[in-house]
Amino acid sequence: MAEEIKELIEKIQEEGVRAAESKARAIEEEARQQARNIIDRAKTEAKKTLEDARNNIARMEDSARTSLGQAARDVIIGLKKEIMAILNKLALLHVRKALTPDETAKVILTLAKECRAKEKSDIVVTVKKEDAEKIGSVLLAELSEEMKKGLTIKPSEDVHGGFTISYDHGKSYYDFTDKALAEYIGTYVKPKLFEILKDID
C-alpha cells in the first residue's frame, strides 16, 4: 500500500513537472511571439519615422531651393533696375553738361533761323530760369532786328536744362529739355543694355 502511494506521488510529481514544463514552454513561446511582435512594430514605426523624416527633409530642401531661387531673381531684378537708374542719371548728367547756355543758344539760333526762312510765325522759347539772361543776350547779339521781334525767351522753374520751342505762341511745342533728350538717348542705349543684362538670368 505504501508502495502504491509512493508510486502515485511520483506519478503526480512527474505529471506536475511535465505540466509545469509544458506551461513554461507555452509561456516562453508566448513571450517570444510578443517580443517578435514588439520588434516588428518597432521596425515598422522606425521605418515610417525615417520615411517621414526623409519626406520632411525633401520638402524643406525644395522650399529652400525655391526661396533661394526667388531671392536670386529678386536680386537680379533689383540689380537691373539699379543699372537702368544709373544709365538714366548718367544720360541726364551728360546732357546737362553739354547743354551750356552758349550751346543751347546756338541750337535755338539755328532752329529760329530755319523756321523764319520757311514761315513768319512767332517763336516762344522756354529755358531754365538761371540761363534765360545769358541765352537771351547771345540770341539778341546774333539775330537780325526782324527776327528779334518775333522771338520770346521765357524763363521757367520747370526747365532744368535745355529748352522747349513753340512756333504757335505756346499752344504746342518741341521738347529739347535735358530730361527729354536723356530719355531719347535711353531709347537707343537701353535695348543694347537689356540684351547684355538678359544673360544674367
Foldseek 3Di string as FASTA:
>chain_A
DVVVVVVVVVVVVVVVVVVVVVVVVVVVVVVVVVVVVVVVVVVVVVVVVVVVVVVVVVVVVVVVVVVVVVVLVVVLVVVVVVVLVVLLVVLLVVLQVCQDLVNLLVVVLVVLVVVVVPDQFAKEKEAAQVSQVVSVVVNVVPDDPSSVVRYHYHHDPVAPGHIWMDRHVPPDIHDPGSNVSSVVVCVVVVVVVCVVSVVVD
